[in-house]
Amino acid sequence: MQARAMARSVGMSPRKMRMVIDLIRGRGVNEAYSILKFSKKAATTPIEKTLRSAVANATQKAEKEGSFVDVDDLVVREAYVNEGRTLKRFSPRAMGRATPILKRTSHVVIVVDRADHKE
């Protein structure tokens, strides 16, 4: 039973976000929370918010189906960052010129699923 959450147009470049999302891919949800909590990167805030949304979606989906899902059994199956729309701004420079400033945005997608118990 997979559950998915997406955060669109997060105001941070995809390159910076991918450095953080690579740390949690394939890990347990509780381990991912602790990694995000103790990381110094600014990208942890929107990624943690998206992860919490995916976990909440998993519990809601399980309740709708009439089953129970334990948060400790959830694993981050997929986590990736796509490039969003680029905001184009201009900054004044010397001698009446203007230089473009590209403010990049990101789309964060996190998919959680139950861990496979092969005991």
PDB file of N, CA and C in Angstrom:
ATOM      1  N   MET A   1       0.836  -1.173   0.000  1.00  0.00           N
ATOM      2  CA  MET A   1       0.000   0.000   0.000  1.00  0.00           C
ATOM      3  C   MET A   1       0.887   1.244   0.000  1.00  0.00           C
ATOM      4  N   GLN A   2       0.960   1.886  -1.117  1.00  0.00           N
ATOM      5  CA  GLN A   2       1.795   3.073  -1.241  1.00  0.00           C
ATOM      6  C   GLN A   2       0.977   4.324  -1.007  1.00  0.00           C
ATOM      7  N   ALA A   3       1.637   5.327  -0.433  1.00  0.00           N
ATOM      8  CA  ALA A   3       1.030   6.640  -0.276  1.00  0.00           C
ATOM      9  C   ALA A   3       2.042   7.665  -0.756  1.00  0.00           C
ATOM     10  N   ARG A   4       1.529   8.720  -1.351  1.00  0.00           N
ATOM     11  CA  ARG A   4       2.397   9.673  -2.027  1.00  0.00           C
ATOM     12  C   ARG A   4       2.050  11.089  -1.599  1.00  0.00           C
ATOM     13  N   ALA A   5       3.064  11.946  -1.547  1.00  0.00           N
ATOM     14  CA  ALA A   5       2.847  13.362  -1.274  1.00  0.00           C
ATOM     15  C   ALA A   5       3.764  14.166  -2.187  1.00  0.00           C
ATOM     16  N   MET A   6       3.260  15.320  -2.615  1.00  0.00           N
ATOM     17  CA  MET A   6       4.017  16.160  -3.524  1.00  0.00           C
ATOM     18  C   MET A   6       3.942  17.606  -3.050  1.00  0.00           C
ATOM     19  N   ALA A   7       5.093  18.261  -3.042  1.00  0.00           N
ATOM     20  CA  ALA A   7       5.144  19.697  -2.751  1.00  0.00           C
ATOM     21  C   ALA A   7       5.622  20.378  -4.025  1.00  0.00           C
ATOM     22  N   ARG A   8       4.799  21.269  -4.536  1.00  0.00           N
ATOM     23  CA  ARG A   8       5.125  21.895  -5.810  1.00  0.00           C
ATOM     24  C   ARG A   8       5.588  23.329  -5.595  1.00  0.00           C
ATOM     25  N   SER A   9       6.460  23.773  -6.460  1.00  0.00           N
ATOM     26  CA  SER A   9       6.971  25.144  -6.494  1.00  0.00           C
ATOM     27  C   SER A   9       7.593  25.578  -5.174  1.00  0.00           C
ATOM     28  N   VAL A  10       8.428  24.711  -4.616  1.00  0.00           N
ATOM     29  CA  VAL A  10       9.174  25.065  -3.410  1.00  0.00           C
ATOM     30  C   VAL A  10      10.285  26.017  -3.826  1.00  0.00           C
ATOM     31  N   GLY A  11      10.422  27.116  -3.122  1.00  0.00           N
ATOM     32  CA  GLY A  11      11.349  28.160  -3.525  1.00  0.00           C
ATOM     33  C   GLY A  11      12.801  27.874  -3.199  1.00  0.00           C
ATOM     34  N   MET A  12      13.328  26.797  -3.755  1.00  0.00           N
ATOM     35  CA  MET A  12      14.727  26.433  -3.563  1.00  0.00           C
ATOM     36  C   MET A  12      15.185  25.660  -4.786  1.00  0.00           C
ATOM     37  N   SER A  13      16.451  25.766  -5.117  1.00  0.00           N
ATOM     38  CA  SER A  13      16.925  25.114  -6.331  1.00  0.00           C
ATOM     39  C   SER A  13      16.934  23.591  -6.162  1.00  0.00           C
ATOM     40  N   PRO A  14      16.661  22.863  -7.238  1.00  0.00           N
ATOM     41  CA  PRO A  14      16.619  21.406  -7.156  1.00  0.00           C
ATOM     42  C   PRO A  14      17.956  20.794  -6.748  1.00  0.00           C
ATOM     43  N   ARG A  15      19.029  21.413  -7.112  1.00  0.00           N
ATOM     44  CA  ARG A  15      20.351  20.877  -6.780  1.00  0.00           C
ATOM     45  C   ARG A  15      20.563  20.841  -5.273  1.00  0.00           C
ATOM     46  N   LYS A  16      20.144  21.898  -4.588  1.00  0.00           N
ATOM     47  CA  LYS A  16      20.276  21.940  -3.127  1.00  0.00           C
ATOM     48  C   LYS A  16      19.335  20.950  -2.456  1.00  0.00           C
ATOM     49  N   MET A  17      18.143  20.789  -3.030  1.00  0.00           N
ATOM     50  CA  MET A  17      17.169  19.873  -2.442  1.00  0.00           C
ATOM     51  C   MET A  17      17.595  18.416  -2.633  1.00  0.00           C
ATOM     52  N   ARG A  18      18.220  18.105  -3.759  1.00  0.00           N
ATOM     53  CA  ARG A  18      18.622  16.719  -4.032  1.00  0.00           C
ATOM     54  C   ARG A  18      19.698  16.235  -3.072  1.00  0.00           C
ATOM     55  N   MET A  19      20.535  17.159  -2.590  1.00  0.00           N
ATOM     56  CA  MET A  19      21.568  16.764  -1.628  1.00  0.00           C
ATOM     57  C   MET A  19      20.939  16.219  -0.354  1.00  0.00           C
ATOM     58  N   VAL A  20      19.808  16.758   0.045  1.00  0.00           N
ATOM     59  CA  VAL A  20      19.128  16.310   1.257  1.00  0.00           C
ATOM     60  C   VAL A  20      18.257  15.090   0.987  1.00  0.00           C
ATOM     61  N   ILE A  21      17.561  15.083  -0.141  1.00  0.00           N
ATOM     62  CA  ILE A  21      16.625  13.981  -0.424  1.00  0.00           C
ATOM     63  C   ILE A  21      17.374  12.673  -0.642  1.00  0.00           C
ATOM     64  N   ASP A  22      18.626  12.735  -1.089  1.00  0.00           N
ATOM     65  CA  ASP A  22      19.426  11.524  -1.260  1.00  0.00           C
ATOM     66  C   ASP A  22      19.740  10.861   0.083  1.00  0.00           C
ATOM     67  N   LEU A  23      19.714  11.632   1.166  1.00  0.00           N
ATOM     68  CA  LEU A  23      20.022  11.082   2.477  1.00  0.00           C
ATOM     69  C   LEU A  23      18.898  10.193   3.017  1.00  0.00           C
ATOM     70  N   ILE A  24      17.645  10.445   2.617  1.00  0.00           N
ATOM     71  CA  ILE A  24      16.518   9.717   3.208  1.00  0.00           C
ATOM     72  C   ILE A  24      15.944   8.640   2.309  1.00  0.00           C
ATOM     73  N   ARG A  25      16.347   8.586   1.067  1.00  0.00           N
ATOM     74  CA  ARG A  25      15.775   7.605   0.134  1.00  0.00           C
ATOM     75  C   ARG A  25      16.114   6.183   0.576  1.00  0.00           C
ATOM     76  N   GLY A  26      15.082   5.340   0.698  1.00  0.00           N
ATOM     77  CA  GLY A  26      15.274   3.944   1.068  1.00  0.00           C
ATOM     78  C   GLY A  26      15.344   3.692   2.561  1.00  0.00           C
ATOM     79  N   ARG A  27      15.210   4.702   3.375  1.00  0.00           N
ATOM     80  CA  ARG A  27      15.319   4.542   4.827  1.00  0.00           C
ATOM     81  C   ARG A  27      13.934   4.422   5.451  1.00  0.00           C
ATOM     82  N   GLY A  28      13.922   3.999   6.699  1.00  0.00           N
ATOM     83  CA  GLY A  28      12.688   3.971   7.462  1.00  0.00           C
ATOM     84  C   GLY A  28      12.239   5.392   7.770  1.00  0.00           C
ATOM     85  N   VAL A  29      10.942   5.553   8.027  1.00  0.00           N
ATOM     86  CA  VAL A  29      10.394   6.891   8.229  1.00  0.00           C
ATOM     87  C   VAL A  29      10.973   7.542   9.486  1.00  0.00           C
ATOM     88  N   ASN A  30      11.085   6.782  10.571  1.00  0.00           N
ATOM     89  CA  ASN A  30      11.637   7.358  11.802  1.00  0.00           C
ATOM     90  C   ASN A  30      13.102   7.749  11.639  1.00  0.00           C
ATOM     91  N   GLU A  31      13.845   6.942  10.921  1.00  0.00           N
ATOM     92  CA  GLU A  31      15.245   7.267  10.650  1.00  0.00           C
ATOM     93  C   GLU A  31      15.351   8.509   9.760  1.00  0.00           C
ATOM     94  N   ALA A  32      14.444   8.618   8.798  1.00  0.00           N
ATOM     95  CA  ALA A  32      14.432   9.791   7.917  1.00  0.00           C
ATOM     96  C   ALA A  32      14.105  11.054   8.699  1.00  0.00           C
ATOM     97  N   TYR A  33      13.145  10.951   9.652  1.00  0.00           N
ATOM     98  CA  TYR A  33      12.835  12.103  10.496  1.00  0.00           C
ATOM     99  C   TYR A  33      14.052  12.562  11.281  1.00  0.00           C
ATOM    100  N   SER A  34      14.803  11.622  11.847  1.00  0.00           N
ATOM    101  CA  SER A  34      15.967  12.007  12.649  1.00  0.00           C
ATOM    102  C   SER A  34      17.080  12.591  11.781  1.00  0.00           C
ATOM    103  N   ILE A  35      17.253  12.067  10.570  1.00  0.00           N
ATOM    104  CA  ILE A  35      18.254  12.632   9.658  1.00  0.00           C
ATOM    105  C   ILE A  35      17.895  14.065   9.307  1.00  0.00           C
ATOM    106  N   LEU A  36      16.619  14.296   9.011  1.00  0.00           N
ATOM    107  CA  LEU A  36      16.186  15.646   8.643  1.00  0.00           C
ATOM    108  C   LEU A  36      16.255  16.601   9.832  1.00  0.00           C
ATOM    109  N   LYS A  37      16.007  16.090  11.025  1.00  0.00           N
ATOM    110  CA  LYS A  37      16.018  16.950  12.205  1.00  0.00           C
ATOM    111  C   LYS A  37      17.417  17.477  12.502  1.00  0.00           C
ATOM    112  N   PHE A  38      18.430  16.641  12.315  1.00  0.00           N
ATOM    113  CA  PHE A  38      19.783  17.023  12.689  1.00  0.00           C
ATOM    114  C   PHE A  38      20.637  17.508  11.526  1.00  0.00           C
ATOM    115  N   SER A  39      20.059  17.652  10.354  1.00  0.00           N
ATOM    116  CA  SER A  39      20.792  18.199   9.216  1.00  0.00           C
ATOM    117  C   SER A  39      20.731  19.720   9.253  1.00  0.00           C
ATOM    118  N   LYS A  40      21.811  20.359   8.845  1.00  0.00           N
ATOM    119  CA  LYS A  40      21.890  21.819   8.887  1.00  0.00           C
ATOM    120  C   LYS A  40      21.331  22.494   7.638  1.00  0.00           C
ATOM    121  N   LYS A  41      21.007  21.727   6.630  1.00  0.00           N
ATOM    122  CA  LYS A  41      20.562  22.302   5.363  1.00  0.00           C
ATOM    123  C   LYS A  41      19.167  22.925   5.489  1.00  0.00           C
ATOM    124  N   ALA A  42      18.944  23.997   4.758  1.00  0.00           N
ATOM    125  CA  ALA A  42      17.646  24.675   4.777  1.00  0.00           C
ATOM    126  C   ALA A  42      16.587  23.870   4.038  1.00  0.00           C
ATOM    127  N   ALA A  43      16.996  22.952   3.173  1.00  0.00           N
ATOM    128  CA  ALA A  43      16.051  22.157   2.399  1.00  0.00           C
ATOM    129  C   ALA A  43      15.324  21.125   3.255  1.00  0.00           C
ATOM    130  N   THR A  44      15.776  20.903   4.485  1.00  0.00           N
ATOM    131  CA  THR A  44      15.138  19.896   5.326  1.00  0.00           C
ATOM    132  C   THR A  44      13.713  20.280   5.703  1.00  0.00           C
ATOM    133  N   THR A  45      13.421  21.576   5.816  1.00  0.00           N
ATOM    134  CA  THR A  45      12.081  22.008   6.239  1.00  0.00           C
ATOM    135  C   THR A  45      10.997  21.595   5.249  1.00  0.00           C
ATOM    136  N   PRO A  46      11.088  21.953   3.949  1.00  0.00           N
ATOM    137  CA  PRO A  46      10.029  21.514   3.031  1.00  0.00           C
ATOM    138  C   PRO A  46      10.024  20.004   2.792  1.00  0.00           C
ATOM    139  N   ILE A  47      11.186  19.358   2.879  1.00  0.00           N
ATOM    140  CA  ILE A  47      11.235  17.914   2.674  1.00  0.00           C
ATOM    141  C   ILE A  47      10.581  17.189   3.844  1.00  0.00           C
ATOM    142  N   GLU A  48      10.834  17.660   5.066  1.00  0.00           N
ATOM    143  CA  GLU A  48      10.202  17.051   6.239  1.00  0.00           C
ATOM    144  C   GLU A  48       8.682  17.243   6.205  1.00  0.00           C
ATOM    145  N   LYS A  49       8.252  18.400   5.767  1.00  0.00           N
ATOM    146  CA  LYS A  49       6.820  18.678   5.660  1.00  0.00           C
ATOM    147  C   LYS A  49       6.165  17.737   4.646  1.00  0.00           C
ATOM    148  N   THR A  50       6.835  17.489   3.539  1.00  0.00           N
ATOM    149  CA  THR A  50       6.315  16.579   2.519  1.00  0.00           C
ATOM    150  C   THR A  50       6.304  15.144   3.026  1.00  0.00           C
ATOM    151  N   LEU A  51       7.338  14.757   3.773  1.00  0.00           N
ATOM    152  CA  LEU A  51       7.397  13.408   4.339  1.00  0.00           C
ATOM    153  C   LEU A  51       6.269  13.193   5.341  1.00  0.00           C
ATOM    154  N   ARG A  52       6.008  14.183   6.180  1.00  0.00           N
ATOM    155  CA  ARG A  52       4.899  14.081   7.147  1.00  0.00           C
ATOM    156  C   ARG A  52       3.557  13.968   6.420  1.00  0.00           C
ATOM    157  N   SER A  53       3.424  14.674   5.319  1.00  0.00           N
ATOM    158  CA  SER A  53       2.199  14.587   4.528  1.00  0.00           C
ATOM    159  C   SER A  53       2.031  13.200   3.918  1.00  0.00           C
ATOM    160  N   ALA A  54       3.125  12.599   3.450  1.00  0.00           N
ATOM    161  CA  ALA A  54       3.055  11.255   2.869  1.00  0.00           C
ATOM    162  C   ALA A  54       2.665  10.227   3.924  1.00  0.00           C
ATOM    163  N   VAL A  55       3.197  10.373   5.136  1.00  0.00           N
ATOM    164  CA  VAL A  55       2.846   9.453   6.221  1.00  0.00           C
ATOM    165  C   VAL A  55       1.374   9.617   6.598  1.00  0.00           C
ATOM    166  N   ALA A  56       0.908  10.866   6.661  1.00  0.00           N
ATOM    167  CA  ALA A  56      -0.503  11.110   6.961  1.00  0.00           C
ATOM    168  C   ALA A  56      -1.399  10.542   5.865  1.00  0.00           C
ATOM    169  N   ASN A  57      -0.975  10.660   4.614  1.00  0.00           N
ATOM    170  CA  ASN A  57      -1.742  10.079   3.504  1.00  0.00           C
ATOM    171  C   ASN A  57      -1.813   8.559   3.620  1.00  0.00           C
ATOM    172  N   ALA A  58      -0.713   7.935   4.088  1.00  0.00           N
ATOM    173  CA  ALA A  58      -0.691   6.482   4.255  1.00  0.00           C
ATOM    174  C   ALA A  58      -1.672   6.049   5.342  1.00  0.00           C
ATOM    175  N   THR A  59      -1.715   6.767   6.450  1.00  0.00           N
ATOM    176  CA  THR A  59      -2.636   6.403   7.524  1.00  0.00           C
ATOM    177  C   THR A  59      -4.095   6.620   7.092  1.00  0.00           C
ATOM    178  N   GLN A  60      -4.347   7.695   6.371  1.00  0.00           N
ATOM    179  CA  GLN A  60      -5.703   7.950   5.885  1.00  0.00           C
ATOM    180  C   GLN A  60      -6.144   6.891   4.875  1.00  0.00           C
ATOM    181  N   LYS A  61      -5.229   6.490   4.021  1.00  0.00           N
ATOM    182  CA  LYS A  61      -5.543   5.472   3.021  1.00  0.00           C
ATOM    183  C   LYS A  61      -5.821   4.130   3.689  1.00  0.00           C
ATOM    184  N   ALA A  62      -5.053   3.816   4.747  1.00  0.00           N
ATOM    185  CA  ALA A  62      -5.263   2.562   5.468  1.00  0.00           C
ATOM    186  C   ALA A  62      -6.604   2.573   6.195  1.00  0.00           C
ATOM    187  N   GLU A  63      -6.960   3.698   6.797  1.00  0.00           N
ATOM    188  CA  GLU A  63      -8.253   3.798   7.476  1.00  0.00           C
ATOM    189  C   GLU A  63      -9.410   3.653   6.487  1.00  0.00           C
ATOM    190  N   LYS A  64      -9.239   4.209   5.318  1.00  0.00           N
ATOM    191  CA  LYS A  64     -10.279   4.133   4.293  1.00  0.00           C
ATOM    192  C   LYS A  64     -10.482   2.689   3.833  1.00  0.00           C
ATOM    193  N   GLU A  65      -9.383   1.921   3.770  1.00  0.00           N
ATOM    194  CA  GLU A  65      -9.466   0.518   3.360  1.00  0.00           C
ATOM    195  C   GLU A  65      -9.881  -0.389   4.510  1.00  0.00           C
ATOM    196  N   GLY A  66      -9.903   0.147   5.727  1.00  0.00           N
ATOM    197  CA  GLY A  66     -10.293  -0.652   6.882  1.00  0.00           C
ATOM    198  C   GLY A  66      -9.160  -1.432   7.505  1.00  0.00           C
ATOM    199  N   SER A  67      -7.927  -1.074   7.210  1.00  0.00           N
ATOM    200  CA  SER A  67      -6.769  -1.747   7.798  1.00  0.00           C
ATOM    201  C   SER A  67      -6.016  -0.765   8.689  1.00  0.00           C
ATOM    202  N   PHE A  68      -4.916  -1.243   9.267  1.00  0.00           N
ATOM    203  CA  PHE A  68      -4.118  -0.411  10.149  1.00  0.00           C
ATOM    204  C   PHE A  68      -2.691  -0.385   9.624  1.00  0.00           C
ATOM    205  N   VAL A  69      -2.093   0.785   9.656  1.00  0.00           N
ATOM    206  CA  VAL A  69      -0.690   0.909   9.260  1.00  0.00           C
ATOM    207  C   VAL A  69       0.083   1.501  10.433  1.00  0.00           C
ATOM    208  N   ASP A  70       1.197   0.860  10.761  1.00  0.00           N
ATOM    209  CA  ASP A  70       2.058   1.350  11.826  1.00  0.00           C
ATOM    210  C   ASP A  70       3.121   2.249  11.194  1.00  0.00           C
ATOM    211  N   VAL A  71       3.298   3.422  11.757  1.00  0.00           N
ATOM    212  CA  VAL A  71       4.242   4.393  11.197  1.00  0.00           C
ATOM    213  C   VAL A  71       5.666   3.843  11.245  1.00  0.00           C
ATOM    214  N   ASP A  72       5.955   2.989  12.240  1.00  0.00           N
ATOM    215  CA  ASP A  72       7.300   2.416  12.355  1.00  0.00           C
ATOM    216  C   ASP A  72       7.615   1.443  11.226  1.00  0.00           C
ATOM    217  N   ASP A  73       6.579   0.915  10.561  1.00  0.00           N
ATOM    218  CA  ASP A  73       6.790  -0.042   9.471  1.00  0.00           C
ATOM    219  C   ASP A  73       6.929   0.627   8.109  1.00  0.00           C
ATOM    220  N   LEU A  74       6.751   1.940   8.032  1.00  0.00           N
ATOM    221  CA  LEU A  74       6.800   2.629   6.740  1.00  0.00           C
ATOM    222  C   LEU A  74       8.242   2.912   6.329  1.00  0.00           C
ATOM    223  N   VAL A  75       8.479   2.825   5.030  1.00  0.00           N
ATOM    224  CA  VAL A  75       9.795   3.056   4.439  1.00  0.00           C
ATOM    225  C   VAL A  75       9.633   4.048   3.294  1.00  0.00           C
ATOM    226  N   VAL A  76      10.616   4.906   3.119  1.00  0.00           N
ATOM    227  CA  VAL A  76      10.608   5.849   2.000  1.00  0.00           C
ATOM    228  C   VAL A  76      11.033   5.075   0.745  1.00  0.00           C
ATOM    229  N   ARG A  77      10.060   4.706  -0.079  1.00  0.00           N
ATOM    230  CA  ARG A  77      10.347   3.928  -1.291  1.00  0.00           C
ATOM    231  C   ARG A  77      10.939   4.807  -2.390  1.00  0.00           C
ATOM    232  N   GLU A  78      10.296   5.925  -2.656  1.00  0.00           N
ATOM    233  CA  GLU A  78      10.767   6.842  -3.695  1.00  0.00           C
ATOM    234  C   GLU A  78      10.849   8.231  -3.107  1.00  0.00           C
ATOM    235  N   ALA A  79      11.873   8.945  -3.481  1.00  0.00           N
ATOM    236  CA  ALA A  79      12.013  10.340  -3.087  1.00  0.00           C
ATOM    237  C   ALA A  79      12.843  11.015  -4.172  1.00  0.00           C
ATOM    238  N   TYR A  80      12.239  11.965  -4.835  1.00  0.00           N
ATOM    239  CA  TYR A  80      12.972  12.663  -5.885  1.00  0.00           C
ATOM    240  C   TYR A  80      12.508  14.099  -5.980  1.00  0.00           C
ATOM    241  N   VAL A  81      13.357  14.914  -6.596  1.00  0.00           N
ATOM    242  CA  VAL A  81      13.100  16.346  -6.765  1.00  0.00           C
ATOM    243  C   VAL A  81      13.187  16.655  -8.246  1.00  0.00           C
ATOM    244  N   ASN A  82      12.134  17.245  -8.773  1.00  0.00           N
ATOM    245  CA  ASN A  82      12.119  17.702 -10.160  1.00  0.00           C
ATOM    246  C   ASN A  82      12.224  19.214 -10.201  1.00  0.00           C
ATOM    247  N   GLU A  83      12.650  19.723 -11.327  1.00  0.00           N
ATOM    248  CA  GLU A  83      12.780  21.162 -11.477  1.00  0.00           C
ATOM    249  C   GLU A  83      11.419  21.779 -11.751  1.00  0.00           C
ATOM    250  N   GLY A  84      11.126  22.850 -11.058  1.00  0.00           N
ATOM    251  CA  GLY A  84       9.876  23.576 -11.257  1.00  0.00           C
ATOM    252  C   GLY A  84      10.092  24.769 -12.164  1.00  0.00           C
ATOM    253  N   ARG A  85       9.137  25.667 -12.132  1.00  0.00           N
ATOM    254  CA  ARG A  85       9.214  26.868 -12.944  1.00  0.00           C
ATOM    255  C   ARG A  85      10.330  27.780 -12.436  1.00  0.00           C
ATOM    256  N   THR A  86      11.028  28.414 -13.347  1.00  0.00           N
ATOM    257  CA  THR A  86      12.082  29.356 -12.990  1.00  0.00           C
ATOM    258  C   THR A  86      11.531  30.771 -13.068  1.00  0.00           C
ATOM    259  N   LEU A  87      11.647  31.495 -11.965  1.00  0.00           N
ATOM    260  CA  LEU A  87      11.215  32.892 -11.948  1.00  0.00           C
ATOM    261  C   LEU A  87      12.355  33.751 -12.470  1.00  0.00           C
ATOM    262  N   LYS A  88      12.068  34.590 -13.441  1.00  0.00           N
ATOM    263  CA  LYS A  88      13.109  35.410 -14.062  1.00  0.00           C
ATOM    264  C   LYS A  88      12.996  36.835 -13.540  1.00  0.00           C
ATOM    265  N   ARG A  89      14.058  37.300 -12.917  1.00  0.00           N
ATOM    266  CA  ARG A  89      14.123  38.659 -12.378  1.00  0.00           C
ATOM    267  C   ARG A  89      15.351  39.349 -12.976  1.00  0.00           C
ATOM    268  N   PHE A  90      15.382  40.667 -12.871  1.00  0.00           N
ATOM    269  CA  PHE A  90      16.518  41.416 -13.401  1.00  0.00           C
ATOM    270  C   PHE A  90      17.071  42.321 -12.323  1.00  0.00           C
ATOM    271  N   SER A  91      18.394  42.426 -12.319  1.00  0.00           N
ATOM    272  CA  SER A  91      19.074  43.262 -11.344  1.00  0.00           C
ATOM    273  C   SER A  91      19.834  44.362 -12.081  1.00  0.00           C
ATOM    274  N   PRO A  92      19.766  45.596 -11.609  1.00  0.00           N
ATOM    275  CA  PRO A  92      20.501  46.672 -12.285  1.00  0.00           C
ATOM    276  C   PRO A  92      22.011  46.521 -12.118  1.00  0.00           C
ATOM    277  N   ARG A  93      22.736  46.869 -13.159  1.00  0.00           N
ATOM    278  CA  ARG A  93      24.197  46.809 -13.137  1.00  0.00           C
ATOM    279  C   ARG A  93      24.750  48.137 -13.648  1.00  0.00           C
ATOM    280  N   ALA A  94      26.045  48.174 -13.805  1.00  0.00           N
ATOM    281  CA  ALA A  94      26.722  49.412 -14.178  1.00  0.00           C
ATOM    282  C   ALA A  94      26.384  49.841 -15.606  1.00  0.00           C
ATOM    283  N   MET A  95      26.442  51.128 -15.847  1.00  0.00           N
ATOM    284  CA  MET A  95      26.247  51.749 -17.155  1.00  0.00           C
ATOM    285  C   MET A  95      24.869  51.430 -17.746  1.00  0.00           C
ATOM    286  N   GLY A  96      23.853  51.360 -16.904  1.00  0.00           N
ATOM    287  CA  GLY A  96      22.490  51.195 -17.383  1.00  0.00           C
ATOM    288  C   GLY A  96      22.122  49.802 -17.842  1.00  0.00           C
ATOM    289  N   ARG A  97      22.973  48.854 -17.589  1.00  0.00           N
ATOM    290  CA  ARG A  97      22.681  47.488 -18.022  1.00  0.00           C
ATOM    291  C   ARG A  97      21.862  46.753 -16.956  1.00  0.00           C
ATOM    292  N   ALA A  98      21.302  45.627 -17.346  1.00  0.00           N
ATOM    293  CA  ALA A  98      20.581  44.765 -16.416  1.00  0.00           C
ATOM    294  C   ALA A  98      21.042  43.329 -16.647  1.00  0.00           C
ATOM    295  N   THR A  99      21.181  42.589 -15.555  1.00  0.00           N
ATOM    296  CA  THR A  99      21.565  41.178 -15.669  1.00  0.00           C
ATOM    297  C   THR A  99      20.431  40.311 -15.120  1.00  0.00           C
ATOM    298  N   PRO A 100      20.190  39.190 -15.773  1.00  0.00           N
ATOM    299  CA  PRO A 100      19.105  38.326 -15.308  1.00  0.00           C
ATOM    300  C   PRO A 100      19.478  37.572 -14.034  1.00  0.00           C
ATOM    301  N   ILE A 101      18.495  37.373 -13.182  1.00  0.00           N
ATOM    302  CA  ILE A 101      18.624  36.532 -12.003  1.00  0.00           C
ATOM    303  C   ILE A 101      17.559  35.458 -12.124  1.00  0.00           C
ATOM    304  N   LEU A 102      17.983  34.184 -12.058  1.00  0.00           N
ATOM    305  CA  LEU A 102      17.074  33.061 -12.197  1.00  0.00           C
ATOM    306  C   LEU A 102      16.795  32.484 -10.818  1.00  0.00           C
ATOM    307  N   LYS A 103      15.552  32.588 -10.379  1.00  0.00           N
ATOM    308  CA  LYS A 103      15.149  32.038  -9.087  1.00  0.00           C
ATOM    309  C   LYS A 103      14.487  30.698  -9.359  1.00  0.00           C
ATOM    310  N   ARG A 104      15.201  29.634  -9.067  1.00  0.00           N
ATOM    311  CA  ARG A 104      14.739  28.294  -9.407  1.00  0.00           C
ATOM    312  C   ARG A 104      13.806  27.738  -8.331  1.00  0.00           C
ATOM    313  N   THR A 105      12.843  26.948  -8.771  1.00  0.00           N
ATOM    314  CA  THR A 105      11.914  26.294  -7.853  1.00  0.00           C
ATOM    315  C   THR A 105      11.974  24.786  -8.069  1.00  0.00           C
ATOM    316  N   SER A 106      11.399  24.042  -7.135  1.00  0.00           N
ATOM    317  CA  SER A 106      11.469  22.580  -7.162  1.00  0.00           C
ATOM    318  C   SER A 106      10.114  21.964  -6.887  1.00  0.00           C
ATOM    319  N   HIS A 107       9.936  20.744  -7.393  1.00  0.00           N
ATOM    320  CA  HIS A 107       8.794  19.908  -7.053  1.00  0.00           C
ATOM    321  C   HIS A 107       9.339  18.681  -6.320  1.00  0.00           C
ATOM    322  N   VAL A 108       8.890  18.460  -5.083  1.00  0.00           N
ATOM    323  CA  VAL A 108       9.359  17.343  -4.255  1.00  0.00           C
ATOM    324  C   VAL A 108       8.289  16.263  -4.246  1.00  0.00           C
ATOM    325  N   VAL A 109       8.680  15.014  -4.511  1.00  0.00           N
ATOM    326  CA  VAL A 109       7.759  13.881  -4.483  1.00  0.00           C
ATOM    327  C   VAL A 109       8.341  12.822  -3.558  1.00  0.00           C
ATOM    328  N   ILE A 110       7.521  12.377  -2.584  1.00  0.00           N
ATOM    329  CA  ILE A 110       7.935  11.329  -1.652  1.00  0.00           C
ATOM    330  C   ILE A 110       6.850  10.262  -1.630  1.00  0.00           C
ATOM    331  N   VAL A 111       7.268   8.997  -1.792  1.00  0.00           N
ATOM    332  CA  VAL A 111       6.361   7.853  -1.758  1.00  0.00           C
ATOM    333  C   VAL A 111       6.782   6.955  -0.604  1.00  0.00           C
ATOM    334  N   VAL A 112       5.843   6.652   0.295  1.00  0.00           N
ATOM    335  CA  VAL A 112       6.126   5.740   1.407  1.00  0.00           C
ATOM    336  C   VAL A 112       5.316   4.465   1.210  1.00  0.00           C
ATOM    337  N   ASP A 113       5.867   3.362   1.741  1.00  0.00           N
ATOM    338  CA  ASP A 113       5.227   2.066   1.607  1.00  0.00           C
ATOM    339  C   ASP A 113       5.591   1.243   2.829  1.00  0.00           C
ATOM    340  N   ARG A 114       4.860   0.165   3.040  1.00  0.00           N
ATOM    341  CA  ARG A 114       5.178  -0.742   4.151  1.00  0.00           C
ATOM    342  C   ARG A 114       6.473  -1.483   3.864  1.00  0.00           C
ATOM    343  N   ALA A 115       7.218  -1.743   4.925  1.00  0.00           N
ATOM    344  CA  ALA A 115       8.452  -2.517   4.777  1.00  0.00           C
ATOM    345  C   ALA A 115       8.097  -3.971   4.524  1.00  0.00           C
ATOM    346  N   ASP A 116       8.925  -4.641   3.721  1.00  0.00           N
ATOM    347  CA  ASP A 116       8.695  -6.065   3.429  1.00  0.00           C
ATOM    348  C   ASP A 116       9.222  -6.897   4.583  1.00  0.00           C
ATOM    349  N   HIS A 117       8.345  -7.636   5.211  1.00  0.00           N
ATOM    350  CA  HIS A 117       8.742  -8.517   6.314  1.00  0.00           C
ATOM    351  C   HIS A 117       8.938  -9.918   5.775  1.00  0.00           C
ATOM    352  N   LYS A 118      10.191 -10.335   5.604  1.00  0.00           N
ATOM    353  CA  LYS A 118      10.494 -11.671   5.098  1.00  0.00           C
ATOM    354  C   LYS A 118      11.170 -12.462   6.218  1.00  0.00           C
ATOM    355  N   GLU A 119      10.391 -12.822   7.219  1.00  0.00           N
ATOM    356  CA  GLU A 119      10.966 -13.563   8.353  1.00  0.00           C
ATOM    357  C   GLU A 119      10.420 -14.968   8.386  1.00  0.00           C
TER     358      GLU A 119
END
